[in-house]
């Protein structure tokens, strides 16, 4: 159940309750080529997250005229919000270790490659932004 797609879908549902097709479009808008996901992957993630108790369907509003099957909107549960924060912290920790290793390896060449230095600086900046959001959760604040 712990996949990048599930993590991304759960994060989007935490942002605001959504239904499958909308989530698929939001994933494409937000992540573009970083996370190529088909609609079937999104629906699979929704099923897995619901089975895991991390999301739940919202009650359907009464329809005046049922023309087609209503869209099921999902919202995150409290367990889902906790799991999301824990997943992000775990992933950040793993990637931070890799980033430190990459930085150490890059220094072997004397640190003269500006492109590599820029890539490492961008990676560090993205981790710092994520830590600003999730650091207080990790530290219990």
N, C-alpha and C. Protein backbone atom coordinates (compact mmCIF):
# COMPACT_ATOMS: atom_id res chain seq x y z
N UNK A 1 0.82 -1.19 0.00
CA UNK A 1 0.00 0.00 0.00
C UNK A 1 0.87 1.26 0.00
N UNK A 2 2.13 1.15 0.37
CA UNK A 2 3.00 2.31 0.46
C UNK A 2 3.71 2.55 -0.86
N UNK A 3 3.01 3.22 -1.76
CA UNK A 3 3.59 3.54 -3.06
C UNK A 3 3.58 5.06 -3.22
N UNK A 4 4.38 5.53 -4.16
CA UNK A 4 4.42 6.96 -4.44
C UNK A 4 3.06 7.46 -4.90
N UNK A 5 2.38 6.67 -5.72
CA UNK A 5 1.05 7.07 -6.20
C UNK A 5 0.08 7.18 -5.03
N UNK A 6 0.07 6.20 -4.15
CA UNK A 6 -0.82 6.26 -2.98
C UNK A 6 -0.52 7.48 -2.14
N UNK A 7 0.77 7.76 -1.93
CA UNK A 7 1.18 8.91 -1.14
C UNK A 7 0.68 10.20 -1.79
N UNK A 8 0.87 10.32 -3.09
CA UNK A 8 0.44 11.53 -3.80
C UNK A 8 -1.08 11.69 -3.77
N UNK A 9 -1.80 10.59 -4.00
CA UNK A 9 -3.28 10.66 -3.97
C UNK A 9 -3.75 11.04 -2.57
N UNK A 10 -3.19 10.43 -1.56
CA UNK A 10 -3.58 10.75 -0.18
C UNK A 10 -3.30 12.22 0.11
N UNK A 11 -2.16 12.72 -0.31
CA UNK A 11 -1.83 14.14 -0.09
C UNK A 11 -2.83 15.06 -0.76
N UNK A 12 -3.24 14.72 -1.98
CA UNK A 12 -4.23 15.55 -2.67
C UNK A 12 -5.60 15.50 -1.99
N UNK A 13 -5.97 14.32 -1.48
CA UNK A 13 -7.25 14.20 -0.78
C UNK A 13 -7.20 14.97 0.54
N UNK A 14 -6.03 15.01 1.18
CA UNK A 14 -5.89 15.81 2.40
C UNK A 14 -6.07 17.29 2.07
N UNK A 15 -5.53 17.73 0.93
CA UNK A 15 -5.70 19.14 0.53
C UNK A 15 -7.17 19.50 0.41
N UNK A 16 -7.93 18.63 -0.26
CA UNK A 16 -9.37 18.84 -0.37
C UNK A 16 -10.02 17.56 -0.87
N UNK A 17 -11.22 17.25 -0.36
CA UNK A 17 -11.91 16.05 -0.83
C UNK A 17 -12.08 16.08 -2.35
N UNK A 18 -11.93 14.93 -2.96
CA UNK A 18 -11.96 14.83 -4.41
C UNK A 18 -12.50 13.49 -4.86
N UNK A 19 -12.76 13.36 -6.15
CA UNK A 19 -13.16 12.11 -6.77
C UNK A 19 -12.09 11.69 -7.77
N UNK A 20 -12.17 10.46 -8.23
CA UNK A 20 -11.11 9.86 -9.03
C UNK A 20 -10.63 10.66 -10.22
N UNK A 21 -11.55 11.06 -11.10
CA UNK A 21 -11.14 11.77 -12.30
C UNK A 21 -10.47 13.09 -11.95
N UNK A 22 -11.04 13.81 -10.99
CA UNK A 22 -10.45 15.08 -10.58
C UNK A 22 -9.04 14.86 -10.01
N UNK A 23 -8.88 13.81 -9.22
CA UNK A 23 -7.56 13.50 -8.67
C UNK A 23 -6.56 13.22 -9.78
N UNK A 24 -7.00 12.50 -10.79
CA UNK A 24 -6.13 12.19 -11.93
C UNK A 24 -5.66 13.48 -12.60
N UNK A 25 -6.58 14.41 -12.79
CA UNK A 25 -6.23 15.69 -13.42
C UNK A 25 -5.32 16.52 -12.52
N UNK A 26 -5.60 16.53 -11.22
CA UNK A 26 -4.76 17.28 -10.28
C UNK A 26 -3.35 16.69 -10.21
N UNK A 27 -3.24 15.36 -10.26
CA UNK A 27 -1.92 14.73 -10.28
C UNK A 27 -1.13 15.18 -11.50
N UNK A 28 -1.79 15.19 -12.65
CA UNK A 28 -1.12 15.61 -13.88
C UNK A 28 -0.70 17.07 -13.80
N UNK A 29 -1.58 17.92 -13.30
CA UNK A 29 -1.27 19.34 -13.19
C UNK A 29 -0.12 19.58 -12.20
N UNK A 30 -0.19 18.93 -11.07
CA UNK A 30 0.77 19.16 -10.00
C UNK A 30 2.13 18.54 -10.30
N UNK A 31 2.13 17.30 -10.81
CA UNK A 31 3.38 16.56 -10.93
C UNK A 31 3.87 16.38 -12.36
N UNK A 32 3.00 16.57 -13.34
CA UNK A 32 3.42 16.47 -14.74
C UNK A 32 4.18 15.19 -15.01
N UNK A 33 5.37 15.35 -15.58
CA UNK A 33 6.20 14.19 -15.95
C UNK A 33 6.89 13.55 -14.75
N UNK A 34 6.85 14.18 -13.59
CA UNK A 34 7.51 13.60 -12.42
C UNK A 34 6.82 12.32 -11.97
N UNK A 35 5.52 12.25 -12.21
CA UNK A 35 4.75 11.10 -11.76
C UNK A 35 3.70 10.79 -12.82
N UNK A 36 4.06 9.97 -13.79
CA UNK A 36 3.14 9.59 -14.85
C UNK A 36 2.20 8.51 -14.33
N UNK A 37 0.92 8.87 -14.18
CA UNK A 37 -0.05 7.98 -13.56
C UNK A 37 -1.30 7.90 -14.44
N UNK A 38 -1.74 6.68 -14.69
CA UNK A 38 -2.99 6.51 -15.43
C UNK A 38 -4.17 6.62 -14.46
N UNK A 39 -5.35 6.83 -15.03
CA UNK A 39 -6.54 6.91 -14.20
C UNK A 39 -6.77 5.62 -13.42
N UNK A 40 -6.43 4.49 -14.02
CA UNK A 40 -6.63 3.21 -13.32
C UNK A 40 -5.74 3.12 -12.09
N UNK A 41 -4.54 3.72 -12.15
CA UNK A 41 -3.67 3.76 -10.97
C UNK A 41 -4.30 4.59 -9.86
N UNK A 42 -4.95 5.69 -10.23
CA UNK A 42 -5.59 6.55 -9.24
C UNK A 42 -6.73 5.79 -8.56
N UNK A 43 -7.55 5.10 -9.35
CA UNK A 43 -8.66 4.34 -8.75
C UNK A 43 -8.14 3.19 -7.90
N UNK A 44 -7.04 2.57 -8.32
CA UNK A 44 -6.41 1.52 -7.50
C UNK A 44 -5.91 2.09 -6.18
N UNK A 45 -5.32 3.29 -6.24
CA UNK A 45 -4.84 3.94 -5.02
C UNK A 45 -6.01 4.27 -4.10
N UNK A 46 -7.10 4.78 -4.67
CA UNK A 46 -8.28 5.09 -3.85
C UNK A 46 -8.80 3.84 -3.15
N UNK A 47 -8.86 2.73 -3.88
CA UNK A 47 -9.32 1.47 -3.27
C UNK A 47 -8.40 1.04 -2.14
N UNK A 48 -7.09 1.08 -2.38
CA UNK A 48 -6.13 0.66 -1.36
C UNK A 48 -6.19 1.58 -0.14
N UNK A 49 -6.28 2.88 -0.36
CA UNK A 49 -6.34 3.83 0.74
C UNK A 49 -7.62 3.66 1.56
N UNK A 50 -8.73 3.38 0.86
CA UNK A 50 -9.99 3.17 1.58
C UNK A 50 -9.95 1.87 2.38
N UNK A 51 -9.42 0.80 1.78
CA UNK A 51 -9.29 -0.47 2.52
C UNK A 51 -8.40 -0.31 3.75
N UNK A 52 -7.40 0.56 3.64
CA UNK A 52 -6.48 0.79 4.76
C UNK A 52 -7.03 1.76 5.80
N UNK A 53 -8.22 2.30 5.57
CA UNK A 53 -8.82 3.22 6.52
C UNK A 53 -8.20 4.61 6.50
N UNK A 54 -7.51 4.95 5.41
CA UNK A 54 -6.84 6.25 5.32
C UNK A 54 -7.70 7.32 4.65
N UNK A 55 -8.69 6.88 3.88
CA UNK A 55 -9.68 7.79 3.29
C UNK A 55 -11.04 7.15 3.46
N UNK A 56 -12.09 7.97 3.30
CA UNK A 56 -13.45 7.47 3.37
C UNK A 56 -14.32 8.24 2.39
N UNK A 57 -15.35 7.60 1.86
CA UNK A 57 -16.22 8.32 0.94
C UNK A 57 -17.08 9.32 1.70
N UNK A 58 -17.31 10.44 1.07
CA UNK A 58 -18.24 11.43 1.63
C UNK A 58 -19.66 10.98 1.32
N UNK A 59 -20.61 11.29 2.18
CA UNK A 59 -22.00 10.96 1.85
C UNK A 59 -22.40 11.68 0.56
N UNK A 60 -23.09 10.98 -0.30
CA UNK A 60 -23.52 11.56 -1.58
C UNK A 60 -24.69 12.51 -1.35
N UNK A 61 -24.62 13.71 -1.94
CA UNK A 61 -25.76 14.61 -1.82
C UNK A 61 -26.94 14.07 -2.62
N UNK A 62 -28.15 14.34 -2.20
CA UNK A 62 -29.31 13.84 -2.94
C UNK A 62 -29.34 14.46 -4.34
N UNK A 63 -29.54 13.63 -5.32
CA UNK A 63 -29.57 14.09 -6.71
C UNK A 63 -31.01 14.38 -7.12
N UNK A 64 -31.20 15.50 -7.82
CA UNK A 64 -32.53 15.86 -8.30
C UNK A 64 -32.99 14.86 -9.37
N UNK A 65 -32.13 14.63 -10.32
CA UNK A 65 -32.43 13.67 -11.39
C UNK A 65 -31.19 12.83 -11.63
N UNK A 66 -31.19 11.58 -11.21
CA UNK A 66 -30.00 10.74 -11.43
C UNK A 66 -29.84 10.39 -12.91
N UNK A 67 -29.03 11.17 -13.60
CA UNK A 67 -28.77 10.95 -15.01
C UNK A 67 -27.68 9.91 -15.21
N UNK A 68 -26.66 10.00 -14.39
CA UNK A 68 -25.57 9.04 -14.46
C UNK A 68 -25.11 8.72 -13.04
N UNK A 69 -24.23 7.77 -12.95
CA UNK A 69 -23.74 7.35 -11.64
C UNK A 69 -23.06 8.52 -10.93
N UNK A 70 -23.40 8.77 -9.66
CA UNK A 70 -22.79 9.90 -8.96
C UNK A 70 -21.30 9.67 -8.72
N UNK A 71 -20.55 10.77 -8.69
CA UNK A 71 -19.12 10.70 -8.41
C UNK A 71 -18.93 10.51 -6.91
N UNK A 72 -18.08 9.57 -6.55
CA UNK A 72 -17.78 9.35 -5.14
C UNK A 72 -16.62 10.25 -4.76
N UNK A 73 -16.87 11.17 -3.84
CA UNK A 73 -15.83 12.05 -3.32
C UNK A 73 -15.25 11.40 -2.06
N UNK A 74 -13.94 11.52 -1.91
CA UNK A 74 -13.25 10.93 -0.76
C UNK A 74 -12.62 12.04 0.08
N UNK A 75 -12.56 11.80 1.37
CA UNK A 75 -11.85 12.68 2.28
C UNK A 75 -10.89 11.83 3.11
N UNK A 76 -9.87 12.47 3.61
CA UNK A 76 -8.89 11.76 4.44
C UNK A 76 -9.46 11.57 5.84
N UNK A 77 -9.11 10.45 6.44
CA UNK A 77 -9.44 10.21 7.84
C UNK A 77 -8.29 10.75 8.70
N UNK A 78 -8.51 10.81 10.00
CA UNK A 78 -7.44 11.24 10.90
C UNK A 78 -6.25 10.28 10.77
N UNK A 79 -6.54 8.99 10.64
CA UNK A 79 -5.46 8.00 10.45
C UNK A 79 -4.72 8.27 9.15
N UNK A 80 -5.44 8.69 8.12
CA UNK A 80 -4.82 9.01 6.84
C UNK A 80 -3.88 10.19 6.94
N UNK A 81 -4.29 11.22 7.69
CA UNK A 81 -3.44 12.38 7.86
C UNK A 81 -2.17 12.03 8.63
N UNK A 82 -2.31 11.20 9.66
CA UNK A 82 -1.13 10.77 10.42
C UNK A 82 -0.21 9.91 9.55
N UNK A 83 -0.79 8.99 8.80
CA UNK A 83 0.01 8.12 7.94
C UNK A 83 0.74 8.93 6.88
N UNK A 84 0.08 9.93 6.32
CA UNK A 84 0.71 10.77 5.30
C UNK A 84 1.94 11.46 5.88
N UNK A 85 1.78 12.09 7.04
CA UNK A 85 2.91 12.78 7.67
C UNK A 85 4.05 11.80 7.95
N UNK A 86 3.72 10.62 8.44
CA UNK A 86 4.75 9.61 8.74
C UNK A 86 5.45 9.16 7.46
N UNK A 87 4.70 8.93 6.39
CA UNK A 87 5.29 8.52 5.12
C UNK A 87 6.25 9.58 4.60
N UNK A 88 5.80 10.83 4.63
CA UNK A 88 6.65 11.91 4.11
C UNK A 88 7.94 12.00 4.91
N UNK A 89 7.83 11.94 6.23
CA UNK A 89 9.02 12.01 7.08
C UNK A 89 9.97 10.86 6.77
N UNK A 90 9.42 9.67 6.63
CA UNK A 90 10.26 8.50 6.32
C UNK A 90 10.94 8.66 4.96
N UNK A 91 10.16 9.08 3.96
CA UNK A 91 10.74 9.26 2.62
C UNK A 91 11.80 10.36 2.62
N UNK A 92 11.52 11.46 3.32
CA UNK A 92 12.50 12.54 3.39
C UNK A 92 13.79 12.06 4.04
N UNK A 93 13.66 11.26 5.09
CA UNK A 93 14.84 10.73 5.76
C UNK A 93 15.67 9.87 4.84
N UNK A 94 15.00 9.00 4.08
CA UNK A 94 15.71 8.13 3.16
C UNK A 94 16.39 8.93 2.05
N UNK A 95 15.65 9.88 1.49
CA UNK A 95 16.22 10.68 0.40
C UNK A 95 17.30 11.63 0.92
N UNK A 96 17.16 12.10 2.15
CA UNK A 96 18.20 12.96 2.72
C UNK A 96 19.51 12.19 2.86
N UNK A 97 19.41 10.92 3.25
CA UNK A 97 20.63 10.09 3.33
C UNK A 97 21.26 9.96 1.95
N UNK A 98 20.43 9.72 0.95
CA UNK A 98 20.96 9.61 -0.42
C UNK A 98 21.58 10.92 -0.87
N UNK A 99 20.93 12.05 -0.52
CA UNK A 99 21.45 13.36 -0.91
C UNK A 99 22.81 13.61 -0.26
N UNK A 100 22.95 13.23 1.02
CA UNK A 100 24.24 13.40 1.69
C UNK A 100 25.31 12.56 1.00
N UNK A 101 24.96 11.34 0.65
CA UNK A 101 25.91 10.47 -0.05
C UNK A 101 26.29 11.07 -1.40
N UNK A 102 25.30 11.54 -2.14
CA UNK A 102 25.56 12.15 -3.44
C UNK A 102 26.46 13.37 -3.28
N UNK A 103 26.18 14.18 -2.26
CA UNK A 103 27.03 15.35 -2.01
C UNK A 103 28.46 14.95 -1.71
N UNK A 104 28.63 13.91 -0.90
CA UNK A 104 29.98 13.44 -0.56
C UNK A 104 30.69 12.91 -1.80
N UNK A 105 29.96 12.17 -2.65
CA UNK A 105 30.57 11.65 -3.88
C UNK A 105 30.92 12.79 -4.82
N UNK A 106 30.04 13.79 -4.93
CA UNK A 106 30.30 14.92 -5.81
C UNK A 106 31.55 15.67 -5.39
N UNK A 107 31.81 15.72 -4.08
CA UNK A 107 33.01 16.41 -3.58
C UNK A 107 34.30 15.68 -3.98
N UNK A 108 34.20 14.41 -4.32
CA UNK A 108 35.40 13.66 -4.72
C UNK A 108 36.05 14.29 -5.94
N UNK A 109 35.26 14.87 -6.78
CA UNK A 109 35.80 15.52 -7.98
C UNK A 109 36.26 16.95 -7.71
N UNK A 110 36.32 17.34 -6.47
CA UNK A 110 36.76 18.68 -6.14
C UNK A 110 35.64 19.71 -6.14
N UNK A 111 34.40 19.25 -6.39
CA UNK A 111 33.26 20.16 -6.36
C UNK A 111 33.30 21.24 -7.42
N UNK A 112 33.93 20.94 -8.57
CA UNK A 112 34.11 21.97 -9.61
C UNK A 112 32.98 22.01 -10.62
N UNK A 113 32.08 21.05 -10.60
CA UNK A 113 31.02 20.98 -11.60
C UNK A 113 29.84 21.85 -11.14
N UNK A 114 29.65 22.99 -11.82
CA UNK A 114 28.60 23.92 -11.42
C UNK A 114 27.20 23.32 -11.60
N UNK A 115 27.01 22.51 -12.63
CA UNK A 115 25.70 21.89 -12.86
C UNK A 115 25.35 20.94 -11.71
N UNK A 116 26.32 20.13 -11.29
CA UNK A 116 26.09 19.21 -10.16
C UNK A 116 25.84 19.99 -8.88
N UNK A 117 26.61 21.05 -8.67
CA UNK A 117 26.42 21.87 -7.46
C UNK A 117 25.04 22.50 -7.45
N UNK A 118 24.58 22.96 -8.61
CA UNK A 118 23.24 23.55 -8.70
C UNK A 118 22.15 22.53 -8.44
N UNK A 119 22.33 21.32 -8.94
CA UNK A 119 21.34 20.25 -8.71
C UNK A 119 21.27 19.89 -7.24
N UNK A 120 22.42 19.81 -6.61
CA UNK A 120 22.45 19.49 -5.17
C UNK A 120 21.82 20.63 -4.37
N UNK A 121 22.10 21.87 -4.73
CA UNK A 121 21.51 23.01 -4.03
C UNK A 121 19.99 23.01 -4.17
N UNK A 122 19.48 22.68 -5.36
CA UNK A 122 18.03 22.61 -5.57
C UNK A 122 17.41 21.50 -4.73
N UNK A 123 18.10 20.37 -4.64
CA UNK A 123 17.61 19.26 -3.83
C UNK A 123 17.55 19.66 -2.36
N UNK A 124 18.60 20.29 -1.88
CA UNK A 124 18.64 20.74 -0.49
C UNK A 124 17.50 21.72 -0.23
N UNK A 125 17.27 22.65 -1.15
CA UNK A 125 16.20 23.63 -0.97
C UNK A 125 14.83 22.96 -0.91
N UNK A 126 14.63 21.94 -1.73
CA UNK A 126 13.33 21.25 -1.70
C UNK A 126 13.14 20.51 -0.38
N UNK A 127 14.20 19.94 0.17
CA UNK A 127 14.09 19.28 1.47
C UNK A 127 13.83 20.30 2.57
N UNK A 128 14.47 21.46 2.47
CA UNK A 128 14.24 22.49 3.48
C UNK A 128 12.79 22.95 3.48
N UNK A 129 12.20 23.10 2.28
CA UNK A 129 10.78 23.49 2.20
C UNK A 129 9.89 22.42 2.81
N UNK A 130 10.19 21.17 2.52
CA UNK A 130 9.40 20.08 3.09
C UNK A 130 9.56 20.03 4.60
N UNK A 131 10.77 20.27 5.08
CA UNK A 131 11.00 20.23 6.52
C UNK A 131 10.25 21.35 7.23
N UNK A 132 10.14 22.51 6.59
CA UNK A 132 9.37 23.61 7.19
C UNK A 132 7.94 23.17 7.46
N UNK A 133 7.40 22.36 6.56
CA UNK A 133 6.02 21.91 6.72
C UNK A 133 5.90 20.75 7.69
N UNK A 134 6.81 19.77 7.60
CA UNK A 134 6.66 18.55 8.38
C UNK A 134 7.54 18.47 9.61
N UNK A 135 8.54 19.34 9.73
CA UNK A 135 9.39 19.33 10.90
C UNK A 135 8.62 19.45 12.21
N UNK A 136 7.66 20.39 12.28
CA UNK A 136 6.89 20.50 13.52
C UNK A 136 6.09 19.22 13.85
N UNK A 137 5.64 18.51 12.83
CA UNK A 137 4.92 17.25 13.07
C UNK A 137 5.87 16.23 13.68
N UNK A 138 7.08 16.17 13.13
CA UNK A 138 8.06 15.20 13.63
C UNK A 138 8.47 15.54 15.06
N UNK A 139 8.64 16.82 15.31
CA UNK A 139 9.09 17.25 16.63
C UNK A 139 7.94 17.39 17.63
N UNK A 140 6.74 17.01 17.23
CA UNK A 140 5.60 17.01 18.15
C UNK A 140 5.04 18.38 18.47
N UNK A 141 5.23 19.33 17.58
CA UNK A 141 4.68 20.67 17.81
C UNK A 141 3.45 20.91 16.98
